[in-house]
PDB file of N, CA and C in Angstrom:
ATOM      1  N   UNK A   1     -83.244   0.765  53.604  1.00  0.00           N
ATOM      2  CA  UNK A   1     -83.194  -0.413  52.785  1.00  0.00           C
ATOM      3  C   UNK A   1     -84.600  -0.694  52.265  1.00  0.00           C
ATOM      4  N   UNK A   2     -84.665  -0.978  50.989  1.00  0.00           N
ATOM      5  CA  UNK A   2     -85.933  -1.307  50.360  1.00  0.00           C
ATOM      6  C   UNK A   2     -85.857  -2.704  49.770  1.00  0.00           C
ATOM      7  N   UNK A   3     -86.973  -3.415  49.770  1.00  0.00           N
ATOM      8  CA  UNK A   3     -87.081  -4.682  49.062  1.00  0.00           C
ATOM      9  C   UNK A   3     -87.693  -4.387  47.712  1.00  0.00           C
ATOM     10  N   UNK A   4     -87.016  -4.831  46.650  1.00  0.00           N
ATOM     11  CA  UNK A   4     -87.525  -4.629  45.296  1.00  0.00           C
ATOM     12  C   UNK A   4     -87.867  -5.994  44.712  1.00  0.00           C
ATOM     13  N   UNK A   5     -89.047  -6.111  44.099  1.00  0.00           N
ATOM     14  CA  UNK A   5     -89.477  -7.367  43.493  1.00  0.00           C
ATOM     15  C   UNK A   5     -89.709  -7.153  42.007  1.00  0.00           C
ATOM     16  N   UNK A   6     -89.152  -8.056  41.176  1.00  0.00           N
ATOM     17  CA  UNK A   6     -89.353  -7.928  39.732  1.00  0.00           C
ATOM     18  C   UNK A   6     -90.578  -8.734  39.296  1.00  0.00           C
ATOM     19  N   UNK A   7     -90.857  -8.716  37.999  1.00  0.00           N
ATOM     20  CA  UNK A   7     -92.055  -9.368  37.476  1.00  0.00           C
ATOM     21  C   UNK A   7     -92.022 -10.891  37.613  1.00  0.00           C
ATOM     22  N   UNK A   8     -90.860 -11.483  37.879  1.00  0.00           N
ATOM     23  CA  UNK A   8     -90.737 -12.927  38.075  1.00  0.00           C
ATOM     24  C   UNK A   8     -90.785 -13.311  39.552  1.00  0.00           C
ATOM     25  N   UNK A   9     -90.979 -12.329  40.422  1.00  0.00           N
ATOM     26  CA  UNK A   9     -91.071 -12.587  41.848  1.00  0.00           C
ATOM     27  C   UNK A   9     -89.727 -12.642  42.560  1.00  0.00           C
ATOM     28  N   UNK A  10     -88.634 -12.317  41.863  1.00  0.00           N
ATOM     29  CA  UNK A  10     -87.323 -12.291  42.504  1.00  0.00           C
ATOM     30  C   UNK A  10     -87.216 -11.033  43.353  1.00  0.00           C
ATOM     31  N   UNK A  11     -86.675 -11.191  44.544  1.00  0.00           N
ATOM     32  CA  UNK A  11     -86.594 -10.081  45.499  1.00  0.00           C
ATOM     33  C   UNK A  11     -85.131  -9.733  45.761  1.00  0.00           C
ATOM     34  N   UNK A  12     -84.860  -8.444  45.815  1.00  0.00           N
ATOM     35  CA  UNK A  12     -83.520  -7.958  46.101  1.00  0.00           C
ATOM     36  C   UNK A  12     -83.609  -6.856  47.149  1.00  0.00           C
ATOM     37  N   UNK A  13     -82.677  -6.868  48.082  1.00  0.00           N
ATOM     38  CA  UNK A  13     -82.579  -5.821  49.087  1.00  0.00           C
ATOM     39  C   UNK A  13     -81.721  -4.707  48.512  1.00  0.00           C
ATOM     40  N   UNK A  14     -82.255  -3.485  48.485  1.00  0.00           N
ATOM     41  CA  UNK A  14     -81.580  -2.357  47.852  1.00  0.00           C
ATOM     42  C   UNK A  14     -81.456  -1.212  48.852  1.00  0.00           C
ATOM     43  N   UNK A  15     -80.232  -0.719  49.019  1.00  0.00           N
ATOM     44  CA  UNK A  15     -80.011   0.444  49.887  1.00  0.00           C
ATOM     45  C   UNK A  15     -80.182   1.694  49.043  1.00  0.00           C
ATOM     46  N   UNK A  16     -81.118   2.549  49.439  1.00  0.00           N
ATOM     47  CA  UNK A  16     -81.408   3.787  48.702  1.00  0.00           C
ATOM     48  C   UNK A  16     -81.186   4.962  49.639  1.00  0.00           C
ATOM     49  N   UNK A  17     -80.255   5.824  49.278  1.00  0.00           N
ATOM     50  CA  UNK A  17     -79.992   7.021  50.073  1.00  0.00           C
ATOM     51  C   UNK A  17     -80.984   8.121  49.733  1.00  0.00           C
ATOM     52  N   UNK A  18     -81.274   8.954  50.705  1.00  0.00           N
ATOM     53  CA  UNK A  18     -82.148  10.109  50.501  1.00  0.00           C
ATOM     54  C   UNK A  18     -81.794  11.170  51.538  1.00  0.00           C
ATOM     55  N   UNK A  19     -82.187  12.392  51.278  1.00  0.00           N
ATOM     56  CA  UNK A  19     -81.944  13.464  52.239  1.00  0.00           C
ATOM     57  C   UNK A  19     -83.055  13.465  53.275  1.00  0.00           C
ATOM     58  N   UNK A  20     -82.697  13.594  54.509  1.00  0.00           N
ATOM     59  CA  UNK A  20     -83.697  13.634  55.570  1.00  0.00           C
ATOM     60  C   UNK A  20     -84.229  12.252  55.889  1.00  0.00           C
ATOM     61  N   UNK A  21     -85.192  12.190  56.769  1.00  0.00           N
ATOM     62  CA  UNK A  21     -85.819  10.947  57.198  1.00  0.00           C
ATOM     63  C   UNK A  21     -87.173  10.794  56.498  1.00  0.00           C
ATOM     64  N   UNK A  22     -87.346   9.746  55.664  1.00  0.00           N
ATOM     65  CA  UNK A  22     -88.628   9.581  54.963  1.00  0.00           C
ATOM     66  C   UNK A  22     -89.776   9.332  55.950  1.00  0.00           C
ATOM     67  N   UNK A  23     -90.971   9.831  55.639  1.00  0.00           N
ATOM     68  CA  UNK A  23     -92.132   9.668  56.530  1.00  0.00           C
ATOM     69  C   UNK A  23     -92.791   8.304  56.331  1.00  0.00           C
ATOM     70  N   UNK A  24     -92.024   7.222  56.570  1.00  0.00           N
ATOM     71  CA  UNK A  24     -92.528   5.869  56.346  1.00  0.00           C
ATOM     72  C   UNK A  24     -92.247   4.997  57.558  1.00  0.00           C
ATOM     73  N   UNK A  25     -92.894   3.829  57.603  1.00  0.00           N
ATOM     74  CA  UNK A  25     -92.683   2.870  58.674  1.00  0.00           C
ATOM     75  C   UNK A  25     -92.233   1.546  58.072  1.00  0.00           C
ATOM     76  N   UNK A  26     -91.520   0.708  58.836  1.00  0.00           N
ATOM     77  CA  UNK A  26     -91.074  -0.590  58.319  1.00  0.00           C
ATOM     78  C   UNK A  26     -92.245  -1.432  57.817  1.00  0.00           C
ATOM     79  N   UNK A  27     -92.052  -2.070  56.675  1.00  0.00           N
ATOM     80  CA  UNK A  27     -93.075  -2.932  56.095  1.00  0.00           C
ATOM     81  C   UNK A  27     -94.068  -2.221  55.191  1.00  0.00           C
ATOM     82  N   UNK A  28     -93.996  -0.914  55.139  1.00  0.00           N
ATOM     83  CA  UNK A  28     -94.936  -0.126  54.344  1.00  0.00           C
ATOM     84  C   UNK A  28     -94.529  -0.129  52.870  1.00  0.00           C
ATOM     85  N   UNK A  29     -95.500  -0.232  51.960  1.00  0.00           N
ATOM     86  CA  UNK A  29     -95.227  -0.120  50.533  1.00  0.00           C
ATOM     87  C   UNK A  29     -94.900   1.332  50.216  1.00  0.00           C
ATOM     88  N   UNK A  30     -93.787   1.532  49.491  1.00  0.00           N
ATOM     89  CA  UNK A  30     -93.317   2.885  49.206  1.00  0.00           C
ATOM     90  C   UNK A  30     -92.958   3.050  47.733  1.00  0.00           C
ATOM     91  N   UNK A  31     -92.804   4.308  47.332  1.00  0.00           N
ATOM     92  CA  UNK A  31     -92.367   4.661  45.991  1.00  0.00           C
ATOM     93  C   UNK A  31     -91.196   5.633  46.114  1.00  0.00           C
ATOM     94  N   UNK A  32     -90.006   5.241  45.605  1.00  0.00           N
ATOM     95  CA  UNK A  32     -88.915   6.204  45.568  1.00  0.00           C
ATOM     96  C   UNK A  32     -89.111   7.126  44.368  1.00  0.00           C
ATOM     97  N   UNK A  33     -89.013   8.433  44.567  1.00  0.00           N
ATOM     98  CA  UNK A  33     -89.187   9.376  43.461  1.00  0.00           C
ATOM     99  C   UNK A  33     -87.846  10.003  43.113  1.00  0.00           C
ATOM    100  N   UNK A  34     -87.653  10.268  41.840  1.00  0.00           N
ATOM    101  CA  UNK A  34     -86.416  10.878  41.385  1.00  0.00           C
ATOM    102  C   UNK A  34     -85.207  10.005  41.657  1.00  0.00           C
ATOM    103  N   UNK A  35     -85.366   8.683  41.554  1.00  0.00           N
ATOM    104  CA  UNK A  35     -84.265   7.781  41.879  1.00  0.00           C
ATOM    105  C   UNK A  35     -83.287   7.654  40.712  1.00  0.00           C
ATOM    106  N   UNK A  36     -82.008   7.687  41.054  1.00  0.00           N
ATOM    107  CA  UNK A  36     -80.940   7.485  40.070  1.00  0.00           C
ATOM    108  C   UNK A  36     -79.972   6.453  40.630  1.00  0.00           C
ATOM    109  N   UNK A  37     -79.275   5.772  39.733  1.00  0.00           N
ATOM    110  CA  UNK A  37     -78.263   4.802  40.119  1.00  0.00           C
ATOM    111  C   UNK A  37     -76.915   5.215  39.561  1.00  0.00           C
ATOM    112  N   UNK A  38     -75.891   5.075  40.375  1.00  0.00           N
ATOM    113  CA  UNK A  38     -74.535   5.416  39.963  1.00  0.00           C
ATOM    114  C   UNK A  38     -73.686   4.152  40.014  1.00  0.00           C
ATOM    115  N   UNK A  39     -73.071   3.782  38.889  1.00  0.00           N
ATOM    116  CA  UNK A  39     -72.174   2.637  38.858  1.00  0.00           C
ATOM    117  C   UNK A  39     -70.820   3.074  39.390  1.00  0.00           C
ATOM    118  N   UNK A  40     -70.235   2.266  40.270  1.00  0.00           N
ATOM    119  CA  UNK A  40     -68.920   2.566  40.805  1.00  0.00           C
ATOM    120  C   UNK A  40     -68.020   1.352  40.631  1.00  0.00           C
ATOM    121  N   UNK A  41     -66.712   1.595  40.600  1.00  0.00           N
ATOM    122  CA  UNK A  41     -65.742   0.518  40.469  1.00  0.00           C
ATOM    123  C   UNK A  41     -64.484   0.880  41.243  1.00  0.00           C
ATOM    124  N   UNK A  42     -63.941  -0.099  41.967  1.00  0.00           N
ATOM    125  CA  UNK A  42     -62.716   0.096  42.745  1.00  0.00           C
ATOM    126  C   UNK A  42     -61.733  -1.011  42.366  1.00  0.00           C
ATOM    127  N   UNK A  43     -60.581  -0.636  41.780  1.00  0.00           N
ATOM    128  CA  UNK A  43     -59.568  -1.651  41.487  1.00  0.00           C
ATOM    129  C   UNK A  43     -58.928  -2.146  42.780  1.00  0.00           C
ATOM    130  N   UNK A  44     -58.703  -3.466  42.858  1.00  0.00           N
ATOM    131  CA  UNK A  44     -58.125  -4.041  44.066  1.00  0.00           C
ATOM    132  C   UNK A  44     -57.346  -5.303  43.717  1.00  0.00           C
ATOM    133  N   UNK A  45     -56.021  -5.244  43.871  1.00  0.00           N
ATOM    134  CA  UNK A  45     -55.151  -6.405  43.631  1.00  0.00           C
ATOM    135  C   UNK A  45     -55.371  -7.054  42.265  1.00  0.00           C
ATOM    136  N   UNK A  46     -55.431  -6.258  41.227  1.00  0.00           N
ATOM    137  CA  UNK A  46     -55.570  -6.788  39.875  1.00  0.00           C
ATOM    138  C   UNK A  46     -56.980  -7.150  39.463  1.00  0.00           C
ATOM    139  N   UNK A  47     -57.929  -7.030  40.355  1.00  0.00           N
ATOM    140  CA  UNK A  47     -59.339  -7.261  40.019  1.00  0.00           C
ATOM    141  C   UNK A  47     -60.107  -5.981  40.313  1.00  0.00           C
ATOM    142  N   UNK A  48     -61.357  -5.992  39.976  1.00  0.00           N
ATOM    143  CA  UNK A  48     -62.180  -4.798  40.225  1.00  0.00           C
ATOM    144  C   UNK A  48     -63.439  -5.191  40.978  1.00  0.00           C
ATOM    145  N   UNK A  49     -63.733  -4.438  42.003  1.00  0.00           N
ATOM    146  CA  UNK A  49     -65.025  -4.557  42.698  1.00  0.00           C
ATOM    147  C   UNK A  49     -65.911  -3.470  42.146  1.00  0.00           C
ATOM    148  N   UNK A  50     -67.177  -3.785  41.934  1.00  0.00           N
ATOM    149  CA  UNK A  50     -68.085  -2.777  41.401  1.00  0.00           C
ATOM    150  C   UNK A  50     -69.470  -2.962  41.999  1.00  0.00           C
ATOM    151  N   UNK A  51     -70.290  -1.955  41.838  1.00  0.00           N
ATOM    152  CA  UNK A  51     -71.660  -2.015  42.325  1.00  0.00           C
ATOM    153  C   UNK A  51     -72.439  -0.826  41.807  1.00  0.00           C
ATOM    154  N   UNK A  52     -73.652  -0.698  42.319  1.00  0.00           N
ATOM    155  CA  UNK A  52     -74.516   0.419  41.949  1.00  0.00           C
ATOM    156  C   UNK A  52     -75.003   1.066  43.242  1.00  0.00           C
ATOM    157  N   UNK A  53     -74.812   2.369  43.363  1.00  0.00           N
ATOM    158  CA  UNK A  53     -75.330   3.142  44.493  1.00  0.00           C
ATOM    159  C   UNK A  53     -76.595   3.855  44.042  1.00  0.00           C
ATOM    160  N   UNK A  54     -77.630   3.811  44.879  1.00  0.00           N
ATOM    161  CA  UNK A  54     -78.906   4.434  44.539  1.00  0.00           C
ATOM    162  C   UNK A  54     -79.187   5.632  45.435  1.00  0.00           C
ATOM    163  N   UNK A  55     -79.779   6.658  44.866  1.00  0.00           N
ATOM    164  CA  UNK A  55     -80.186   7.860  45.604  1.00  0.00           C
ATOM    165  C   UNK A  55     -81.551   8.281  45.083  1.00  0.00           C
ATOM    166  N   UNK A  56     -82.454   8.624  45.987  1.00  0.00           N
ATOM    167  CA  UNK A  56     -83.789   9.082  45.610  1.00  0.00           C
ATOM    168  C   UNK A  56     -84.017  10.484  46.165  1.00  0.00           C
ATOM    169  N   UNK A  57     -84.743  11.292  45.407  1.00  0.00           N
ATOM    170  CA  UNK A  57     -85.099  12.632  45.886  1.00  0.00           C
ATOM    171  C   UNK A  57     -85.978  12.513  47.130  1.00  0.00           C
ATOM    172  N   UNK A  58     -86.876  11.513  47.123  1.00  0.00           N
ATOM    173  CA  UNK A  58     -87.720  11.250  48.289  1.00  0.00           C
ATOM    174  C   UNK A  58     -88.243   9.822  48.218  1.00  0.00           C
ATOM    175  N   UNK A  59     -88.683   9.333  49.357  1.00  0.00           N
ATOM    176  CA  UNK A  59     -89.334   8.024  49.445  1.00  0.00           C
ATOM    177  C   UNK A  59     -90.655   8.274  50.141  1.00  0.00           C
ATOM    178  N   UNK A  60     -91.750   7.997  49.436  1.00  0.00           N
ATOM    179  CA  UNK A  60     -93.084   8.291  49.972  1.00  0.00           C
ATOM    180  C   UNK A  60     -93.930   7.032  50.004  1.00  0.00           C
ATOM    181  N   UNK A  61     -94.910   6.970  50.901  1.00  0.00           N
ATOM    182  CA  UNK A  61     -95.820   5.831  50.943  1.00  0.00           C
ATOM    183  C   UNK A  61     -96.614   5.724  49.642  1.00  0.00           C
ATOM    184  N   UNK A  62     -96.991   4.508  49.273  1.00  0.00           N
ATOM    185  CA  UNK A  62     -97.808   4.304  48.072  1.00  0.00           C
ATOM    186  C   UNK A  62     -99.105   5.095  48.169  1.00  0.00           C
ATOM    187  N   UNK A  63     -99.652   5.206  49.370  1.00  0.00           N
ATOM    188  CA  UNK A  63    -100.904   5.937  49.569  1.00  0.00           C
ATOM    189  C   UNK A  63    -100.741   7.428  49.291  1.00  0.00           C
ATOM    190  N   UNK A  64     -99.486   7.895  49.277  1.00  0.00           N
ATOM    191  CA  UNK A  64     -99.222   9.308  49.030  1.00  0.00           C
ATOM    192  C   UNK A  64     -99.259  10.163  50.272  1.00  0.00           C
ATOM    193  N   UNK A  65     -99.590   9.541  51.428  1.00  0.00           N
ATOM    194  CA  UNK A  65     -99.596  10.314  52.654  1.00  0.00           C
ATOM    195  C   UNK A  65     -98.766   9.617  53.726  1.00  0.00           C
ATOM    196  N   UNK A  66     -98.015  10.364  54.501  1.00  0.00           N
ATOM    197  CA  UNK A  66     -97.197   9.765  55.570  1.00  0.00           C
ATOM    198  C   UNK A  66     -98.061   9.139  56.649  1.00  0.00           C
ATOM    199  N   UNK A  67     -97.504   8.142  57.336  1.00  0.00           N
ATOM    200  CA  UNK A  67     -98.218   7.556  58.467  1.00  0.00           C
ATOM    201  C   UNK A  67     -97.746   8.217  59.750  1.00  0.00           C
ATOM    202  N   UNK A  68     -98.504   8.041  60.815  1.00  0.00           N
ATOM    203  CA  UNK A  68     -98.144   8.635  62.096  1.00  0.00           C
ATOM    204  C   UNK A  68     -97.087   7.814  62.824  1.00  0.00           C
ATOM    205  N   UNK A  69     -96.836   6.584  62.315  1.00  0.00           N
ATOM    206  CA  UNK A  69     -95.861   5.721  62.973  1.00  0.00           C
ATOM    207  C   UNK A  69     -96.473   4.898  64.090  1.00  0.00           C
ATOM    208  N   UNK A  70     -97.782   5.049  64.327  1.00  0.00           N
ATOM    209  CA  UNK A  70     -98.431   4.296  65.411  1.00  0.00           C
ATOM    210  C   UNK A  70     -99.104   3.028  64.904  1.00  0.00           C
ATOM    211  N   UNK A  71     -98.940   2.703  63.613  1.00  0.00           N
ATOM    212  CA  UNK A  71     -99.498   1.480  63.077  1.00  0.00           C
ATOM    213  C   UNK A  71    -100.919   1.592  62.594  1.00  0.00           C
ATOM    214  N   UNK A  72    -101.514   2.777  62.602  1.00  0.00           N
ATOM    215  CA  UNK A  72    -102.896   2.941  62.164  1.00  0.00           C
ATOM    216  C   UNK A  72    -102.954   3.560  60.772  1.00  0.00           C
ATOM    217  N   UNK A  73    -102.449   2.808  59.793  1.00  0.00           N
ATOM    218  CA  UNK A  73    -102.399   3.315  58.425  1.00  0.00           C
ATOM    219  C   UNK A  73    -103.673   3.064  57.674  1.00  0.00           C
TER     220      UNK A  73
END
């Protein structure tokens, strides 16, 4: 799960799928690379539920290097 903030300061929690375990720690600023969004829709009882699923080729730290996970970034 990533927190995304727009230019007006609005924050949204976004679930981004990726292959493998990204080399990041909670709270770290990251950059998803090769991210795409897929719109989906499911009809249900005469209405439709819809959303956007996100997938990234990788999620890397803003610094460009993985952390050790020990908090010494």
